[in-house]
Amino acid sequence: MIRITQQRVKCIGCNACVEAADHRWRISRRDGKCTLVGGVEKRGFYSVLVPDHELEENLLAARNCPVNIIRVTPV
């Protein structure tokens, strides 16, 4: 399993994460920021546990993020 964490308040809505892993990330119609699908908010950070097969595409999403607000860590 891996944990994906996002600090959504700092998101600029560039869409880089959506392009890398479109089933895990979405652009919100409400505010234009990226949303971590399945993420649960705690103290301004959204987090979700996902299976190992999502590792590579979410590492790419984290690397492509221009504001560096995505973390992908093994659990």
C-alpha atoms as a PDB file:
ATOM      1  CA  MET A   1       0.000   0.000   0.000  1.00  0.00           C
ATOM      2  CA  ILE A   2       1.012   3.586  -0.524  1.00  0.00           C
ATOM      3  CA  ARG A   3      -0.207   6.816   1.041  1.00  0.00           C
ATOM      4  CA  ILE A   4      -0.817   9.888  -1.104  1.00  0.00           C
ATOM      5  CA  THR A   5      -0.969  13.219   0.711  1.00  0.00           C
ATOM      6  CA  GLN A   6      -1.885  16.620  -0.724  1.00  0.00           C
ATOM      7  CA  GLN A   7      -1.833  20.092   0.819  1.00  0.00           C
ATOM      8  CA  ARG A   8      -4.818  21.274  -1.199  1.00  0.00           C
ATOM      9  CA  VAL A   9      -4.943  24.870   0.037  1.00  0.00           C
ATOM     10  CA  LYS A  10      -1.685  25.572  -1.850  1.00  0.00           C
ATOM     11  CA  CYS A  11      -2.893  23.990  -5.109  1.00  0.00           C
ATOM     12  CA  ILE A  12      -2.824  26.282  -8.164  1.00  0.00           C
ATOM     13  CA  GLY A  13      -4.970  23.991 -10.340  1.00  0.00           C
ATOM     14  CA  CYS A  14      -2.354  23.413 -13.045  1.00  0.00           C
ATOM     15  CA  ASN A  15      -3.792  19.952 -13.914  1.00  0.00           C
ATOM     16  CA  ALA A  16      -0.382  18.168 -13.939  1.00  0.00           C
ATOM     17  CA  CYS A  17      -1.523  15.540 -11.425  1.00  0.00           C
ATOM     18  CA  VAL A  18      -4.726  14.864 -13.368  1.00  0.00           C
ATOM     19  CA  GLU A  19      -2.715  14.267 -16.540  1.00  0.00           C
ATOM     20  CA  ALA A  20      -0.438  11.803 -14.729  1.00  0.00           C
ATOM     21  CA  ALA A  21      -3.133   9.840 -12.829  1.00  0.00           C
ATOM     22  CA  ASP A  22      -6.600  10.820 -14.027  1.00  0.00           C
ATOM     23  CA  HIS A  23      -8.461   8.196 -11.980  1.00  0.00           C
ATOM     24  CA  ARG A  24      -6.927   9.501  -8.696  1.00  0.00           C
ATOM     25  CA  TRP A  25      -7.070  13.282  -9.346  1.00  0.00           C
ATOM     26  CA  ARG A  26      -9.839  15.640 -10.501  1.00  0.00           C
ATOM     27  CA  ILE A  27     -10.176  19.378 -11.044  1.00  0.00           C
ATOM     28  CA  SER A  28     -12.891  20.844  -8.822  1.00  0.00           C
ATOM     29  CA  ARG A  29     -15.569  22.826 -10.645  1.00  0.00           C
ATOM     30  CA  ARG A  30     -16.156  24.762  -7.437  1.00  0.00           C
ATOM     31  CA  ASP A  31     -12.730  26.335  -6.987  1.00  0.00           C
ATOM     32  CA  GLY A  32     -10.530  25.099  -9.860  1.00  0.00           C
ATOM     33  CA  LYS A  33      -8.099  23.249  -7.576  1.00  0.00           C
ATOM     34  CA  CYS A  34      -7.091  19.610  -7.894  1.00  0.00           C
ATOM     35  CA  THR A  35      -8.871  17.149  -5.653  1.00  0.00           C
ATOM     36  CA  LEU A  36      -7.429  13.852  -4.433  1.00  0.00           C
ATOM     37  CA  VAL A  37     -10.140  11.295  -5.199  1.00  0.00           C
ATOM     38  CA  GLY A  38     -10.947   9.376  -2.012  1.00  0.00           C
ATOM     39  CA  GLY A  39      -8.863  11.739   0.103  1.00  0.00           C
ATOM     40  CA  VAL A  40      -9.852  12.504   3.686  1.00  0.00           C
ATOM     41  CA  GLU A  41      -9.054  15.952   5.094  1.00  0.00           C
ATOM     42  CA  LYS A  42      -7.184  16.379   8.368  1.00  0.00           C
ATOM     43  CA  ARG A  43      -5.643  19.706   9.389  1.00  0.00           C
ATOM     44  CA  GLY A  44      -5.455  21.012   5.828  1.00  0.00           C
ATOM     45  CA  PHE A  45      -3.945  17.859   4.320  1.00  0.00           C
ATOM     46  CA  TYR A  46      -5.855  15.314   2.240  1.00  0.00           C
ATOM     47  CA  SER A  47      -4.692  11.719   2.447  1.00  0.00           C
ATOM     48  CA  VAL A  48      -5.662   8.342   0.988  1.00  0.00           C
ATOM     49  CA  LEU A  49      -4.258   4.796   1.021  1.00  0.00           C
ATOM     50  CA  VAL A  50      -4.080   3.168  -2.415  1.00  0.00           C
ATOM     51  CA  PRO A  51      -2.792  -0.142  -3.836  1.00  0.00           C
ATOM     52  CA  ASP A  52       0.820  -0.497  -4.993  1.00  0.00           C
ATOM     53  CA  HIS A  53      -0.102  -0.548  -8.684  1.00  0.00           C
ATOM     54  CA  GLU A  54      -0.862   3.213  -8.471  1.00  0.00           C
ATOM     55  CA  LEU A  55       2.677   4.051  -7.312  1.00  0.00           C
ATOM     56  CA  GLU A  56       4.377   5.041 -10.581  1.00  0.00           C
ATOM     57  CA  GLU A  57       1.641   7.305 -11.917  1.00  0.00           C
ATOM     58  CA  ASN A  58       1.261   9.101  -8.593  1.00  0.00           C
ATOM     59  CA  LEU A  59       5.034   9.536  -8.256  1.00  0.00           C
ATOM     60  CA  LEU A  60       4.844  11.197 -11.671  1.00  0.00           C
ATOM     61  CA  ALA A  61       1.986  13.407 -10.429  1.00  0.00           C
ATOM     62  CA  ALA A  62       4.095  14.432  -7.419  1.00  0.00           C
ATOM     63  CA  ARG A  63       7.160  15.160  -9.580  1.00  0.00           C
ATOM     64  CA  ASN A  64       5.108  17.215 -12.049  1.00  0.00           C
ATOM     65  CA  CYS A  65       3.445  19.352  -9.370  1.00  0.00           C
ATOM     66  CA  PRO A  66       4.951  22.851  -9.727  1.00  0.00           C
ATOM     67  CA  VAL A  67       4.098  23.848  -6.134  1.00  0.00           C
ATOM     68  CA  ASN A  68       5.377  20.557  -4.630  1.00  0.00           C
ATOM     69  CA  ILE A  69       2.309  19.785  -2.495  1.00  0.00           C
ATOM     70  CA  ILE A  70       1.929  16.047  -3.246  1.00  0.00           C
ATOM     71  CA  ARG A  71       3.711  13.325  -1.264  1.00  0.00           C
ATOM     72  CA  VAL A  72       3.716   9.619  -2.107  1.00  0.00           C
ATOM     73  CA  THR A  73       5.047   7.291   0.595  1.00  0.00           C
ATOM     74  CA  PRO A  74       5.045   3.501   1.081  1.00  0.00           C
ATOM     75  CA  VAL A  75       3.068   2.244   4.068  1.00  0.00           C
END
